[in-house]
Amino acid sequence: MRGLWLLGDKTGQFDRFSHWSDIQLPQGTSWLDVDGNFVQLEAGYQGRVYAVTSENMLYYRFGICALHPTGSTWKQVEGLQ
């Protein structure tokens, strides 16, 4: 699964609702507002998306799949110092 994520200035994160015909040429018609208030985003292996708050708390986006490319909620990664 491929997608684009954008960290907003102060209002949140956005996911590009799109399909990719080529890794270099993402296509789509709109950006979707995704809840959260983060200072850093990382999209990685197998479509996983991680985010860090200004308090250095780590979250991951839960529920990302082909039917729900933006996932359903953010879940905190526990036990990191």
Protein backbone atom coordinates (compact mmCIF):
# COMPACT_ATOMS: atom_id res chain seq x y z
CA MET A 1 0.00 0.00 0.00
CA ARG A 2 1.28 3.44 -0.85
CA GLY A 3 0.17 6.86 0.22
CA LEU A 4 1.29 10.38 1.00
CA TRP A 5 1.15 12.02 4.41
CA LEU A 6 1.64 15.72 5.10
CA LEU A 7 2.23 17.38 8.45
CA GLY A 8 0.10 20.53 8.68
CA ASP A 9 1.46 23.80 10.08
CA LYS A 10 -0.52 23.86 13.35
CA THR A 11 -3.78 22.18 12.59
CA GLY A 12 -3.06 18.51 12.02
CA GLN A 13 -2.07 15.90 9.52
CA PHE A 14 -3.38 15.22 6.07
CA ASP A 15 -3.41 12.07 3.97
CA ARG A 16 -3.60 12.17 0.19
CA PHE A 17 -6.61 10.19 -0.97
CA SER A 18 -5.13 8.72 -4.09
CA HIS A 19 -3.82 5.80 -6.02
CA TRP A 20 -0.34 5.46 -7.39
CA SER A 21 0.27 4.31 -10.92
CA ASP A 22 3.98 4.87 -10.41
CA ILE A 23 6.00 5.55 -7.25
CA GLN A 24 7.20 8.83 -8.78
CA LEU A 25 3.74 10.01 -9.90
CA PRO A 26 1.18 9.95 -7.08
CA GLN A 27 -2.29 10.80 -8.29
CA GLY A 28 -5.36 11.94 -6.44
CA THR A 29 -8.00 14.60 -6.14
CA SER A 30 -7.92 15.79 -2.54
CA TRP A 31 -6.26 15.78 0.87
CA LEU A 32 -8.13 14.33 3.85
CA ASP A 33 -7.81 15.92 7.28
CA VAL A 34 -6.64 13.31 9.81
CA ASP A 35 -6.96 14.03 13.53
CA GLY A 36 -3.86 14.59 15.66
CA ASN A 37 -1.45 17.27 16.79
CA PHE A 38 2.09 16.17 15.99
CA VAL A 39 5.47 17.74 15.28
CA GLN A 40 6.92 14.86 13.23
CA LEU A 41 5.54 12.13 10.96
CA GLU A 42 7.26 9.06 9.55
CA ALA A 43 5.75 6.76 6.94
CA GLY A 44 7.56 3.48 6.68
CA TYR A 45 7.57 -0.20 5.93
CA GLN A 46 4.26 -1.78 4.83
CA GLY A 47 2.35 1.50 5.06
CA ARG A 48 2.96 2.05 8.76
CA VAL A 49 2.72 5.67 9.91
CA TYR A 50 4.30 6.96 13.13
CA ALA A 51 3.97 10.37 14.74
CA VAL A 52 5.68 12.26 17.58
CA THR A 53 4.10 14.94 19.79
CA SER A 54 5.86 18.03 21.14
CA GLU A 55 6.14 16.09 24.43
CA ASN A 56 8.13 13.34 22.60
CA MET A 57 5.32 10.79 22.84
CA LEU A 58 5.27 8.26 20.00
CA TYR A 59 2.05 7.15 18.28
CA TYR A 60 1.24 4.89 15.34
CA ARG A 61 -1.74 5.02 12.99
CA PHE A 62 -3.98 2.02 13.63
CA GLY A 63 -6.29 0.41 11.07
CA ILE A 64 -4.57 1.36 7.82
CA CYS A 65 -5.63 -1.03 5.05
CA ALA A 66 -6.77 -0.99 1.43
CA LEU A 67 -10.38 -0.21 2.43
CA HIS A 68 -9.36 2.46 4.98
CA PRO A 69 -6.11 4.05 3.75
CA THR A 70 -6.10 6.72 6.48
CA GLY A 71 -6.67 4.20 9.27
CA SER A 72 -9.03 4.70 12.18
CA THR A 73 -7.15 6.16 15.15
CA TRP A 74 -3.77 7.00 16.65
CA LYS A 75 -2.45 4.63 19.34
CA GLN A 76 0.36 5.49 21.71
CA VAL A 77 3.46 3.30 21.69
CA GLU A 78 3.98 2.46 25.36
CA GLY A 79 7.21 1.80 27.23
CA LEU A 80 9.63 4.07 25.36
CA GLN A 81 11.90 6.46 27.25
